[in-house]
Amino acid sequence: MKLFMGMALALMLSSAAAAQPSYGPQLEGFAYPYPIQRFAFTSQGQALSMGYLDVAPARPNGRTAVLLHGKNFCAATWEATIAALTDAGFRVIAPDQIGFCASSKPQGYQFSFDQLAANTHELLQARGVERAVVIGHSMGGMLAARYALAYPATVEKLVLVNPIGLEDWRAEGVPYATIDQLFAAEQKTSFDSIKAYQQRFYYNGAWKPEYDRWASMLAGMYAGPGGKAVAWNQAQTSDMVFTQPVLHEFGKIASPTLLLIGGKDRTAPGANRAPKAVADRLGDYPELGRRAARAIPQADLVELPDLGHSPQVEAPRRFHAALLAGLGAKAR
């Protein structure tokens, strides 16, 4: 009987594992909602390829929106936002940053927000974009802020959607972790670990079946043939996020800025290795959003009190209504 139960359990686990997809190191095999294009360029002495989406509206309004994904997201995760913006007349460009998703996974690359901003700027120049609304979510919010500081003349408006980096975790007492330590942790990543993390910090303990697609997208890269390269870049970019705060320069942002903040968000990278007293006070997004709005000179804050880290995924209709209103645009 025990043998039979053990065999049954093994078959169940095997079946569950088989149900999860496996993708290539540049997300080969995953179906993007729009055709992936490629931008080939040289950076830090390496030939690299940046995957990106460039989606034209049926009735252009003459404006371009650039969507910058978060660390646990890809350009594809912006699917509903791309539809909402193009429907309102925006041309939309959504890149996958180097080290992420459909883009190159370089082994020896010095990741910095300045470098990713420069890569993005080079892409936009190649696509003929001189000025755009720059929208960043999560880690992409840190990148968008850095982009606005580096290239202020090119930013029509800055939009920060539940950006991380609204607090300096190291200054708050979170211990540093080496890239080797982060790499060891990244190699343990699975669909279940991604879901558990996002359910706890992103969605206030709730989970909807439609979130599975995005968790599987990430887990599939770790499970695929380039899993170690993916984990290594993720460790490097975790170090970038932790060691390169941008909030201390919020006062220098010259662009009109819209903050869209889901109040149930509790994202705080590194909180798992911090003392409990420190961890408990981190990730208070209602307060962090208000603090950021006070620090950024031309900031408007829109609070979404009952939503979490990914309001564009959790409640797309409400989120996009707030976004378009903040951009002075309307769905057609």
C-alpha atoms as a PDB file:
ATOM      1  CA  MET A   1       0.000   0.000   0.000  1.00  0.00           C
ATOM      2  CA  LYS A   2       2.805   2.426   0.937  1.00  0.00           C
ATOM      3  CA  LEU A   3       4.609   1.543  -2.280  1.00  0.00           C
ATOM      4  CA  PHE A   4       1.465   2.232  -4.291  1.00  0.00           C
ATOM      5  CA  MET A   5       0.912   5.586  -2.535  1.00  0.00           C
ATOM      6  CA  GLY A   6       4.545   6.537  -3.104  1.00  0.00           C
ATOM      7  CA  MET A   7       4.284   5.698  -6.798  1.00  0.00           C
ATOM      8  CA  ALA A   8       1.047   7.664  -7.092  1.00  0.00           C
ATOM      9  CA  LEU A   9       2.627  10.676  -5.401  1.00  0.00           C
ATOM     10  CA  ALA A  10       5.645  10.485  -7.691  1.00  0.00           C
ATOM     11  CA  LEU A  11       3.380  10.360 -10.733  1.00  0.00           C
ATOM     12  CA  MET A  12       1.410  13.355  -9.476  1.00  0.00           C
ATOM     13  CA  LEU A  13       4.578  15.374  -8.920  1.00  0.00           C
ATOM     14  CA  SER A  14       5.938  14.329 -12.287  1.00  0.00           C
ATOM     15  CA  SER A  15       2.690  15.346 -13.960  1.00  0.00           C
ATOM     16  CA  ALA A  16       2.708  18.717 -12.185  1.00  0.00           C
ATOM     17  CA  ALA A  17       6.294  19.330 -13.252  1.00  0.00           C
ATOM     18  CA  ALA A  18       5.501  18.346 -16.834  1.00  0.00           C
ATOM     19  CA  ALA A  19       2.596  20.794 -16.863  1.00  0.00           C
ATOM     20  CA  GLN A  20       4.992  23.703 -16.406  1.00  0.00           C
ATOM     21  CA  PRO A  21       6.567  24.951 -19.651  1.00  0.00           C
ATOM     22  CA  SER A  22      10.269  25.331 -20.324  1.00  0.00           C
ATOM     23  CA  TYR A  23      11.589  28.250 -22.356  1.00  0.00           C
ATOM     24  CA  GLY A  24      14.891  29.216 -23.938  1.00  0.00           C
ATOM     25  CA  PRO A  25      17.251  31.817 -22.407  1.00  0.00           C
ATOM     26  CA  GLN A  26      15.663  34.543 -24.536  1.00  0.00           C
ATOM     27  CA  LEU A  27      12.152  33.282 -23.835  1.00  0.00           C
ATOM     28  CA  GLU A  28      12.129  31.177 -26.991  1.00  0.00           C
ATOM     29  CA  GLY A  29       8.852  29.265 -27.069  1.00  0.00           C
ATOM     30  CA  PHE A  30       6.810  31.858 -25.186  1.00  0.00           C
ATOM     31  CA  ALA A  31       4.090  33.565 -27.228  1.00  0.00           C
ATOM     32  CA  TYR A  32       4.386  37.349 -27.004  1.00  0.00           C
ATOM     33  CA  PRO A  33       1.135  39.262 -27.571  1.00  0.00           C
ATOM     34  CA  TYR A  34       2.717  41.293 -30.386  1.00  0.00           C
ATOM     35  CA  PRO A  35       5.580  40.510 -32.787  1.00  0.00           C
ATOM     36  CA  ILE A  36       9.021  40.665 -31.170  1.00  0.00           C
ATOM     37  CA  GLN A  37      11.530  42.842 -32.977  1.00  0.00           C
ATOM     38  CA  ARG A  38      15.307  42.895 -32.447  1.00  0.00           C
ATOM     39  CA  PHE A  39      17.687  45.777 -31.815  1.00  0.00           C
ATOM     40  CA  ALA A  40      21.314  44.753 -32.301  1.00  0.00           C
ATOM     41  CA  PHE A  41      23.929  46.970 -30.684  1.00  0.00           C
ATOM     42  CA  THR A  42      27.296  46.852 -28.940  1.00  0.00           C
ATOM     43  CA  SER A  43      27.640  47.562 -25.228  1.00  0.00           C
ATOM     44  CA  GLN A  44      30.633  47.017 -22.968  1.00  0.00           C
ATOM     45  CA  GLY A  45      32.470  45.404 -25.865  1.00  0.00           C
ATOM     46  CA  GLN A  46      29.749  42.815 -26.466  1.00  0.00           C
ATOM     47  CA  ALA A  47      27.371  42.301 -29.372  1.00  0.00           C
ATOM     48  CA  LEU A  48      23.910  42.265 -27.785  1.00  0.00           C
ATOM     49  CA  SER A  49      20.327  41.874 -28.908  1.00  0.00           C
ATOM     50  CA  MET A  50      17.417  43.661 -27.279  1.00  0.00           C
ATOM     51  CA  GLY A  51      13.953  42.259 -27.887  1.00  0.00           C
ATOM     52  CA  TYR A  52      11.206  44.850 -28.019  1.00  0.00           C
ATOM     53  CA  LEU A  53       7.636  45.497 -29.089  1.00  0.00           C
ATOM     54  CA  ASP A  54       6.787  48.484 -31.277  1.00  0.00           C
ATOM     55  CA  VAL A  55       3.026  48.687 -31.687  1.00  0.00           C
ATOM     56  CA  ALA A  56       1.352  51.289 -33.875  1.00  0.00           C
ATOM     57  CA  PRO A  57      -2.122  52.654 -33.144  1.00  0.00           C
ATOM     58  CA  ALA A  58      -4.918  52.532 -35.702  1.00  0.00           C
ATOM     59  CA  ARG A  59      -5.541  56.274 -35.231  1.00  0.00           C
ATOM     60  CA  PRO A  60      -2.328  57.999 -34.051  1.00  0.00           C
ATOM     61  CA  ASN A  61      -2.446  60.910 -31.637  1.00  0.00           C
ATOM     62  CA  GLY A  62       1.179  61.838 -32.371  1.00  0.00           C
ATOM     63  CA  ARG A  63       2.451  60.648 -28.974  1.00  0.00           C
ATOM     64  CA  THR A  64       4.682  57.718 -28.020  1.00  0.00           C
ATOM     65  CA  ALA A  65       4.661  55.760 -24.766  1.00  0.00           C
ATOM     66  CA  VAL A  66       7.653  53.707 -23.632  1.00  0.00           C
ATOM     67  CA  LEU A  67       6.915  50.882 -21.187  1.00  0.00           C
ATOM     68  CA  LEU A  68       9.697  49.716 -18.854  1.00  0.00           C
ATOM     69  CA  HIS A  69       9.079  46.348 -17.179  1.00  0.00           C
ATOM     70  CA  GLY A  70       9.884  45.293 -13.640  1.00  0.00           C
ATOM     71  CA  LYS A  71      12.418  42.728 -12.489  1.00  0.00           C
ATOM     72  CA  ASN A  72       9.885  39.902 -12.292  1.00  0.00           C
ATOM     73  CA  PHE A  73       8.111  40.972 -15.465  1.00  0.00           C
ATOM     74  CA  CYS A  74       8.679  41.250 -19.230  1.00  0.00           C
ATOM     75  CA  ALA A  75       7.463  43.447 -22.073  1.00  0.00           C
ATOM     76  CA  ALA A  76       4.751  40.843 -22.610  1.00  0.00           C
ATOM     77  CA  THR A  77       3.283  41.574 -19.167  1.00  0.00           C
ATOM     78  CA  TRP A  78       2.264  44.991 -20.499  1.00  0.00           C
ATOM     79  CA  GLU A  79      -0.176  43.295 -22.911  1.00  0.00           C
ATOM     80  CA  ALA A  80      -3.341  44.980 -21.638  1.00  0.00           C
ATOM     81  CA  THR A  81      -1.590  48.337 -21.188  1.00  0.00           C
ATOM     82  CA  ILE A  82      -0.318  48.264 -24.777  1.00  0.00           C
ATOM     83  CA  ALA A  83      -3.884  47.636 -25.968  1.00  0.00           C
ATOM     84  CA  ALA A  84      -5.250  50.496 -23.858  1.00  0.00           C
ATOM     85  CA  LEU A  85      -2.587  52.969 -24.990  1.00  0.00           C
ATOM     86  CA  THR A  86      -2.738  52.108 -28.679  1.00  0.00           C
ATOM     87  CA  ASP A  87      -6.528  52.304 -28.539  1.00  0.00           C
ATOM     88  CA  ALA A  88      -6.050  55.858 -27.221  1.00  0.00           C
ATOM     89  CA  GLY A  89      -3.753  56.683 -30.137  1.00  0.00           C
ATOM     90  CA  PHE A  90      -0.302  56.153 -28.646  1.00  0.00           C
ATOM     91  CA  ARG A  91       2.527  54.410 -30.434  1.00  0.00           C
ATOM     92  CA  VAL A  92       3.915  52.011 -27.804  1.00  0.00           C
ATOM     93  CA  ILE A  93       7.473  50.722 -27.482  1.00  0.00           C
ATOM     94  CA  ALA A  94       8.094  48.089 -24.811  1.00  0.00           C
ATOM     95  CA  PRO A  95      11.655  46.731 -24.573  1.00  0.00           C
ATOM     96  CA  ASP A  96      12.970  43.758 -22.679  1.00  0.00           C
ATOM     97  CA  GLN A  97      16.069  45.053 -20.942  1.00  0.00           C
ATOM     98  CA  ILE A  98      19.406  43.312 -21.442  1.00  0.00           C
ATOM     99  CA  GLY A  99      19.549  40.385 -19.021  1.00  0.00           C
ATOM    100  CA  PHE A 100      15.785  39.898 -19.119  1.00  0.00           C
ATOM    101  CA  CYS A 101      13.203  37.921 -21.045  1.00  0.00           C
ATOM    102  CA  ALA A 102      13.689  38.050 -24.847  1.00  0.00           C
ATOM    103  CA  SER A 103      17.008  39.915 -24.696  1.00  0.00           C
ATOM    104  CA  SER A 104      20.645  38.781 -24.443  1.00  0.00           C
ATOM    105  CA  LYS A 105      21.914  37.194 -21.220  1.00  0.00           C
ATOM    106  CA  PRO A 106      25.563  38.354 -21.118  1.00  0.00           C
ATOM    107  CA  GLN A 107      27.864  36.574 -18.683  1.00  0.00           C
ATOM    108  CA  GLY A 108      30.237  39.456 -17.980  1.00  0.00           C
ATOM    109  CA  TYR A 109      28.146  42.621 -17.931  1.00  0.00           C
ATOM    110  CA  GLN A 110      28.185  45.462 -15.446  1.00  0.00           C
ATOM    111  CA  PHE A 111      24.532  46.173 -14.803  1.00  0.00           C
ATOM    112  CA  SER A 112      23.567  49.683 -13.796  1.00  0.00           C
ATOM    113  CA  PHE A 113      20.457  51.787 -14.204  1.00  0.00           C
ATOM    114  CA  ASP A 114      22.547  54.300 -16.127  1.00  0.00           C
ATOM    115  CA  GLN A 115      23.607  51.551 -18.552  1.00  0.00           C
ATOM    116  CA  LEU A 116      20.060  50.265 -19.036  1.00  0.00           C
ATOM    117  CA  ALA A 117      18.865  53.844 -19.548  1.00  0.00           C
ATOM    118  CA  ALA A 118      21.571  54.367 -22.168  1.00  0.00           C
ATOM    119  CA  ASN A 119      20.577  51.126 -23.918  1.00  0.00           C
ATOM    120  CA  THR A 120      16.945  52.230 -23.964  1.00  0.00           C
ATOM    121  CA  HIS A 121      17.857  55.671 -25.253  1.00  0.00           C
ATOM    122  CA  GLU A 122      19.881  54.114 -28.066  1.00  0.00           C
ATOM    123  CA  LEU A 123      16.913  51.937 -29.012  1.00  0.00           C
ATOM    124  CA  LEU A 124      14.546  54.907 -29.076  1.00  0.00           C
ATOM    125  CA  GLN A 125      16.936  56.946 -31.194  1.00  0.00           C
ATOM    126  CA  ALA A 126      17.177  54.051 -33.658  1.00  0.00           C
ATOM    127  CA  ARG A 127      13.372  53.952 -33.825  1.00  0.00           C
ATOM    128  CA  GLY A 128      13.148  57.693 -34.460  1.00  0.00           C
ATOM    129  CA  VAL A 129      11.588  58.575 -31.094  1.00  0.00           C
ATOM    130  CA  GLU A 130      12.686  62.007 -29.900  1.00  0.00           C
ATOM    131  CA  ARG A 131      10.220  62.499 -27.051  1.00  0.00           C
ATOM    132  CA  ALA A 132       7.948  60.111 -25.188  1.00  0.00           C
ATOM    133  CA  VAL A 133       5.863  59.376 -22.139  1.00  0.00           C
ATOM    134  CA  VAL A 134       8.074  57.058 -20.091  1.00  0.00           C
ATOM    135  CA  ILE A 135       6.142  54.572 -17.944  1.00  0.00           C
ATOM    136  CA  GLY A 136       8.029  52.360 -15.492  1.00  0.00           C
ATOM    137  CA  HIS A 137       6.674  49.650 -13.235  1.00  0.00           C
ATOM    138  CA  SER A 138       8.443  48.073 -10.232  1.00  0.00           C
ATOM    139  CA  MET A 139      12.191  47.932 -11.073  1.00  0.00           C
ATOM    140  CA  GLY A 140      11.222  49.693 -14.287  1.00  0.00           C
ATOM    141  CA  GLY A 141      10.163  52.622 -12.112  1.00  0.00           C
ATOM    142  CA  MET A 142      13.723  52.951 -10.802  1.00  0.00           C
ATOM    143  CA  LEU A 143      14.956  52.767 -14.391  1.00  0.00           C
ATOM    144  CA  ALA A 144      12.364  55.302 -15.601  1.00  0.00           C
ATOM    145  CA  ALA A 145      13.419  57.761 -12.894  1.00  0.00           C
ATOM    146  CA  ARG A 146      17.065  57.331 -13.876  1.00  0.00           C
ATOM    147  CA  TYR A 147      16.120  57.754 -17.543  1.00  0.00           C
ATOM    148  CA  ALA A 148      14.282  61.003 -16.784  1.00  0.00           C
ATOM    149  CA  LEU A 149      17.311  62.300 -14.884  1.00  0.00           C
ATOM    150  CA  ALA A 150      19.713  61.355 -17.686  1.00  0.00           C
ATOM    151  CA  TYR A 151      17.604  62.461 -20.678  1.00  0.00           C
ATOM    152  CA  PRO A 152      15.150  65.076 -19.387  1.00  0.00           C
ATOM    153  CA  ALA A 153      14.563  66.712 -22.771  1.00  0.00           C
ATOM    154  CA  THR A 154      13.244  63.440 -24.192  1.00  0.00           C
ATOM    155  CA  VAL A 155      10.633  62.808 -21.478  1.00  0.00           C
ATOM    156  CA  GLU A 156       7.207  64.328 -22.093  1.00  0.00           C
ATOM    157  CA  LYS A 157       5.900  62.823 -18.874  1.00  0.00           C
ATOM    158  CA  LEU A 158       7.198  60.316 -16.336  1.00  0.00           C
ATOM    159  CA  VAL A 159       4.810  57.704 -14.952  1.00  0.00           C
ATOM    160  CA  LEU A 160       5.856  55.530 -12.004  1.00  0.00           C
ATOM    161  CA  VAL A 161       3.653  52.510 -11.308  1.00  0.00           C
ATOM    162  CA  ASN A 162       4.362  51.003  -7.893  1.00  0.00           C
ATOM    163  CA  PRO A 163       8.076  51.591  -8.382  1.00  0.00           C
ATOM    164  CA  ILE A 164      10.470  49.822  -6.089  1.00  0.00           C
ATOM    165  CA  GLY A 165      13.258  51.923  -4.634  1.00  0.00           C
ATOM    166  CA  LEU A 166      11.000  54.391  -2.850  1.00  0.00           C
ATOM    167  CA  GLU A 167      13.102  53.580   0.211  1.00  0.00           C
ATOM    168  CA  ASP A 168      16.819  52.834   0.590  1.00  0.00           C
ATOM    169  CA  TRP A 169      16.767  49.278   1.954  1.00  0.00           C
ATOM    170  CA  ARG A 170      20.431  49.222   2.909  1.00  0.00           C
ATOM    171  CA  ALA A 171      20.115  52.501   4.797  1.00  0.00           C
ATOM    172  CA  GLU A 172      17.028  51.068   6.512  1.00  0.00           C
ATOM    173  CA  GLY A 173      19.054  48.143   7.863  1.00  0.00           C
ATOM    174  CA  VAL A 174      18.762  45.354   5.271  1.00  0.00           C
ATOM    175  CA  PRO A 175      22.072  43.422   5.157  1.00  0.00           C
ATOM    176  CA  TYR A 176      23.987  43.187   1.883  1.00  0.00           C
ATOM    177  CA  ALA A 177      24.010  39.862   0.015  1.00  0.00           C
ATOM    178  CA  THR A 178      26.809  39.031  -2.406  1.00  0.00           C
ATOM    179  CA  ILE A 179      26.071  38.180  -6.025  1.00  0.00           C
ATOM    180  CA  ASP A 180      27.202  34.616  -5.301  1.00  0.00           C
ATOM    181  CA  GLN A 181      24.654  34.357  -2.491  1.00  0.00           C
ATOM    182  CA  LEU A 182      21.944  35.832  -4.698  1.00  0.00           C
ATOM    183  CA  PHE A 183      22.877  33.441  -7.524  1.00  0.00           C
ATOM    184  CA  ALA A 184      22.551  30.441  -5.209  1.00  0.00           C
ATOM    185  CA  ALA A 185      19.072  31.600  -4.211  1.00  0.00           C
ATOM    186  CA  GLU A 186      18.048  32.348  -7.812  1.00  0.00           C
ATOM    187  CA  GLN A 187      18.898  28.796  -8.886  1.00  0.00           C
ATOM    188  CA  LYS A 188      16.164  27.516  -6.551  1.00  0.00           C
ATOM    189  CA  THR A 189      13.502  29.533  -8.351  1.00  0.00           C
ATOM    190  CA  SER A 190      10.411  27.638  -9.494  1.00  0.00           C
ATOM    191  CA  PHE A 191       6.812  28.333 -10.417  1.00  0.00           C
ATOM    192  CA  ASP A 192       5.797  27.651  -6.819  1.00  0.00           C
ATOM    193  CA  SER A 193       8.409  29.986  -5.330  1.00  0.00           C
ATOM    194  CA  ILE A 194       7.474  32.765  -7.764  1.00  0.00           C
ATOM    195  CA  LYS A 195       3.788  32.323  -7.008  1.00  0.00           C
ATOM    196  CA  ALA A 196       4.361  32.289  -3.235  1.00  0.00           C
ATOM    197  CA  TYR A 197       6.436  35.473  -3.356  1.00  0.00           C
ATOM    198  CA  GLN A 198       4.051  37.357  -5.606  1.00  0.00           C
ATOM    199  CA  GLN A 199       0.973  36.193  -3.747  1.00  0.00           C
ATOM    200  CA  ARG A 200       2.429  37.426  -0.460  1.00  0.00           C
ATOM    201  CA  PHE A 201       3.933  40.750  -1.534  1.00  0.00           C
ATOM    202  CA  TYR A 202       2.123  41.689  -4.750  1.00  0.00           C
ATOM    203  CA  TYR A 203      -1.484  40.603  -4.306  1.00  0.00           C
ATOM    204  CA  ASN A 204      -2.154  40.853  -0.564  1.00  0.00           C
ATOM    205  CA  GLY A 205      -2.417  37.077  -0.174  1.00  0.00           C
ATOM    206  CA  ALA A 206      -4.853  36.545  -3.067  1.00  0.00           C
ATOM    207  CA  TRP A 207      -4.187  34.775  -6.356  1.00  0.00           C
ATOM    208  CA  LYS A 208      -6.176  34.657  -9.585  1.00  0.00           C
ATOM    209  CA  PRO A 209      -5.797  31.951 -12.266  1.00  0.00           C
ATOM    210  CA  GLU A 210      -4.816  34.563 -14.854  1.00  0.00           C
ATOM    211  CA  TYR A 211      -1.637  35.315 -12.880  1.00  0.00           C
ATOM    212  CA  ASP A 212      -0.376  31.790 -13.625  1.00  0.00           C
ATOM    213  CA  ARG A 213       0.625  32.781 -17.156  1.00  0.00           C
ATOM    214  CA  TRP A 214       3.100  35.389 -15.941  1.00  0.00           C
ATOM    215  CA  ALA A 215       4.552  33.174 -13.200  1.00  0.00           C
ATOM    216  CA  SER A 216       4.985  30.364 -15.747  1.00  0.00           C
ATOM    217  CA  MET A 217       6.682  32.785 -18.146  1.00  0.00           C
ATOM    218  CA  LEU A 218       9.378  33.505 -15.561  1.00  0.00           C
ATOM    219  CA  ALA A 219       9.692  29.975 -14.200  1.00  0.00           C
ATOM    220  CA  GLY A 220      10.025  28.573 -17.725  1.00  0.00           C
ATOM    221  CA  MET A 221      13.261  30.504 -18.292  1.00  0.00           C
ATOM    222  CA  TYR A 222      14.811  29.126 -15.107  1.00  0.00           C
ATOM    223  CA  ALA A 223      13.707  25.611 -16.068  1.00  0.00           C
ATOM    224  CA  GLY A 224      15.036  25.876 -19.612  1.00  0.00           C
ATOM    225  CA  PRO A 225      18.478  25.222 -21.133  1.00  0.00           C
ATOM    226  CA  GLY A 226      19.697  28.741 -20.275  1.00  0.00           C
ATOM    227  CA  GLY A 227      18.530  28.583 -16.677  1.00  0.00           C
ATOM    228  CA  LYS A 228      21.941  29.285 -15.144  1.00  0.00           C
ATOM    229  CA  ALA A 229      22.537  32.316 -17.366  1.00  0.00           C
ATOM    230  CA  VAL A 230      19.082  33.615 -16.450  1.00  0.00           C
ATOM    231  CA  ALA A 231      19.750  33.097 -12.732  1.00  0.00           C
ATOM    232  CA  TRP A 232      23.158  34.792 -12.989  1.00  0.00           C
ATOM    233  CA  ASN A 233      21.745  37.917 -14.650  1.00  0.00           C
ATOM    234  CA  GLN A 234      18.929  37.997 -12.124  1.00  0.00           C
ATOM    235  CA  ALA A 235      21.477  37.895  -9.297  1.00  0.00           C
ATOM    236  CA  GLN A 236      23.426  40.726 -10.918  1.00  0.00           C
ATOM    237  CA  THR A 237      20.322  42.858 -11.355  1.00  0.00           C
ATOM    238  CA  SER A 238      19.232  42.176  -7.765  1.00  0.00           C
ATOM    239  CA  ASP A 239      22.565  43.642  -6.708  1.00  0.00           C
ATOM    240  CA  MET A 240      21.928  46.623  -9.013  1.00  0.00           C
ATOM    241  CA  VAL A 241      18.526  47.257  -7.465  1.00  0.00           C
ATOM    242  CA  PHE A 242      19.889  47.048  -3.916  1.00  0.00           C
ATOM    243  CA  THR A 243      23.038  49.131  -4.387  1.00  0.00           C
ATOM    244  CA  GLN A 244      21.856  51.887  -6.764  1.00  0.00           C
ATOM    245  CA  PRO A 245      19.041  53.828  -5.088  1.00  0.00           C
ATOM    246  CA  VAL A 246      17.604  56.701  -7.088  1.00  0.00           C
ATOM    247  CA  LEU A 247      15.182  58.184  -4.535  1.00  0.00           C
ATOM    248  CA  HIS A 248      17.879  60.506  -3.182  1.00  0.00           C
ATOM    249  CA  GLU A 249      17.714  62.338  -6.540  1.00  0.00           C
ATOM    250  CA  PHE A 250      13.925  62.626  -6.794  1.00  0.00           C
ATOM    251  CA  GLY A 251      14.199  66.363  -6.188  1.00  0.00           C
ATOM    252  CA  LYS A 252      16.149  66.729  -9.451  1.00  0.00           C
ATOM    253  CA  ILE A 253      13.462  65.172 -11.670  1.00  0.00           C
ATOM    254  CA  ALA A 254      12.314  67.927 -14.015  1.00  0.00           C
ATOM    255  CA  SER A 255       9.620  65.992 -15.873  1.00  0.00           C
ATOM    256  CA  PRO A 256       5.945  66.196 -14.890  1.00  0.00           C
ATOM    257  CA  THR A 257       5.400  62.959 -12.996  1.00  0.00           C
ATOM    258  CA  LEU A 258       2.400  60.749 -12.332  1.00  0.00           C
ATOM    259  CA  LEU A 259       2.601  58.269  -9.445  1.00  0.00           C
ATOM    260  CA  LEU A 260       0.130  55.368  -9.590  1.00  0.00           C
ATOM    261  CA  ILE A 261       0.344  53.500  -6.301  1.00  0.00           C
ATOM    262  CA  GLY A 262      -1.466  50.329  -5.276  1.00  0.00           C
ATOM    263  CA  GLY A 263      -1.852  50.613  -1.526  1.00  0.00           C
ATOM    264  CA  LYS A 264      -1.786  46.890  -0.732  1.00  0.00           C
ATOM    265  CA  ASP A 265       1.738  46.509  -2.129  1.00  0.00           C
ATOM    266  CA  ARG A 266       4.368  45.395   0.388  1.00  0.00           C
ATOM    267  CA  THR A 267       7.300  44.723  -1.945  1.00  0.00           C
ATOM    268  CA  ALA A 268      10.648  45.214  -0.219  1.00  0.00           C
ATOM    269  CA  PRO A 269      13.647  43.458  -1.814  1.00  0.00           C
ATOM    270  CA  GLY A 270      15.908  41.942   0.815  1.00  0.00           C
ATOM    271  CA  ALA A 271      13.298  42.028   3.564  1.00  0.00           C
ATOM    272  CA  ASN A 272      13.648  38.252   3.912  1.00  0.00           C
ATOM    273  CA  ARG A 273      17.237  38.680   5.175  1.00  0.00           C
ATOM    274  CA  ALA A 274      16.529  41.664   7.429  1.00  0.00           C
ATOM    275  CA  PRO A 275      15.804  41.554  11.175  1.00  0.00           C
ATOM    276  CA  LYS A 276      12.078  41.287  11.819  1.00  0.00           C
ATOM    277  CA  ALA A 277      11.866  44.790  13.267  1.00  0.00           C
ATOM    278  CA  VAL A 278      13.352  46.150  10.043  1.00  0.00           C
ATOM    279  CA  ALA A 279      11.344  43.921   7.704  1.00  0.00           C
ATOM    280  CA  ASP A 280       8.058  44.866   9.383  1.00  0.00           C
ATOM    281  CA  ARG A 281       8.450  48.558   8.580  1.00  0.00           C
ATOM    282  CA  LEU A 282       9.515  48.123   4.938  1.00  0.00           C
ATOM    283  CA  GLY A 283       7.267  48.270   1.879  1.00  0.00           C
ATOM    284  CA  ASP A 284       4.608  50.623   3.300  1.00  0.00           C
ATOM    285  CA  TYR A 285       3.482  51.802  -0.123  1.00  0.00           C
ATOM    286  CA  PRO A 286       0.759  54.229   0.974  1.00  0.00           C
ATOM    287  CA  GLU A 287       3.357  56.185   2.957  1.00  0.00           C
ATOM    288  CA  LEU A 288       6.140  55.658   0.417  1.00  0.00           C
ATOM    289  CA  GLY A 289       3.967  56.948  -2.418  1.00  0.00           C
ATOM    290  CA  ARG A 290       3.053  60.099  -0.512  1.00  0.00           C
ATOM    291  CA  ARG A 291       6.683  60.666   0.433  1.00  0.00           C
ATOM    292  CA  ALA A 292       7.763  60.313  -3.218  1.00  0.00           C
ATOM    293  CA  ALA A 293       5.043  62.735  -4.339  1.00  0.00           C
ATOM    294  CA  ARG A 294       6.400  65.323  -1.903  1.00  0.00           C
ATOM    295  CA  ALA A 295       9.979  64.786  -3.084  1.00  0.00           C
ATOM    296  CA  ILE A 296       9.387  64.989  -6.858  1.00  0.00           C
ATOM    297  CA  PRO A 297       8.785  68.650  -7.837  1.00  0.00           C
ATOM    298  CA  GLN A 298       5.956  68.208 -10.379  1.00  0.00           C
ATOM    299  CA  ALA A 299       4.320  65.043  -9.089  1.00  0.00           C
ATOM    300  CA  ASP A 300       0.680  64.028  -9.004  1.00  0.00           C
ATOM    301  CA  LEU A 301      -0.239  61.035  -6.875  1.00  0.00           C
ATOM    302  CA  VAL A 302      -3.115  58.702  -7.695  1.00  0.00           C
ATOM    303  CA  GLU A 303      -3.724  56.151  -4.943  1.00  0.00           C
ATOM    304  CA  LEU A 304      -5.391  52.800  -5.618  1.00  0.00           C
ATOM    305  CA  PRO A 305      -5.869  51.719  -1.993  1.00  0.00           C
ATOM    306  CA  ASP A 306      -7.240  48.217  -2.560  1.00  0.00           C
ATOM    307  CA  LEU A 307      -4.721  47.140  -5.238  1.00  0.00           C
ATOM    308  CA  GLY A 308      -1.247  45.645  -4.970  1.00  0.00           C
ATOM    309  CA  HIS A 309       2.105  45.763  -6.728  1.00  0.00           C
ATOM    310  CA  SER A 310       0.764  45.133 -10.249  1.00  0.00           C
ATOM    311  CA  PRO A 311      -2.444  47.161 -10.619  1.00  0.00           C
ATOM    312  CA  GLN A 312      -2.197  46.887 -14.421  1.00  0.00           C
ATOM    313  CA  VAL A 313      -2.517  43.097 -14.051  1.00  0.00           C
ATOM    314  CA  GLU A 314      -4.817  42.967 -11.051  1.00  0.00           C
ATOM    315  CA  ALA A 315      -7.442  45.498 -12.176  1.00  0.00           C
ATOM    316  CA  PRO A 316      -6.600  46.547 -15.744  1.00  0.00           C
ATOM    317  CA  ARG A 317      -9.777  48.494 -16.463  1.00  0.00           C
ATOM    318  CA  ARG A 318      -9.465  50.692 -13.393  1.00  0.00           C
ATOM    319  CA  PHE A 319      -5.732  51.093 -13.780  1.00  0.00           C
ATOM    320  CA  HIS A 320      -5.900  52.102 -17.428  1.00  0.00           C
ATOM    321  CA  ALA A 321      -8.687  54.585 -16.765  1.00  0.00           C
ATOM    322  CA  ALA A 322      -6.432  56.255 -14.165  1.00  0.00           C
ATOM    323  CA  LEU A 323      -3.411  56.109 -16.473  1.00  0.00           C
ATOM    324  CA  LEU A 324      -5.185  57.628 -19.462  1.00  0.00           C
ATOM    325  CA  ALA A 325      -6.739  60.331 -17.312  1.00  0.00           C
ATOM    326  CA  GLY A 326      -3.294  61.193 -15.965  1.00  0.00           C
ATOM    327  CA  LEU A 327      -1.970  61.434 -19.522  1.00  0.00           C
ATOM    328  CA  GLY A 328      -4.857  63.599 -20.656  1.00  0.00           C
ATOM    329  CA  ALA A 329      -5.947  60.899 -23.112  1.00  0.00           C
ATOM    330  CA  LYS A 330      -9.140  58.961 -23.699  1.00  0.00           C
ATOM    331  CA  ALA A 331      -9.881  55.512 -25.056  1.00  0.00           C
ATOM    332  CA  ARG A 332     -11.528  55.701 -28.469  1.00  0.00           C
END
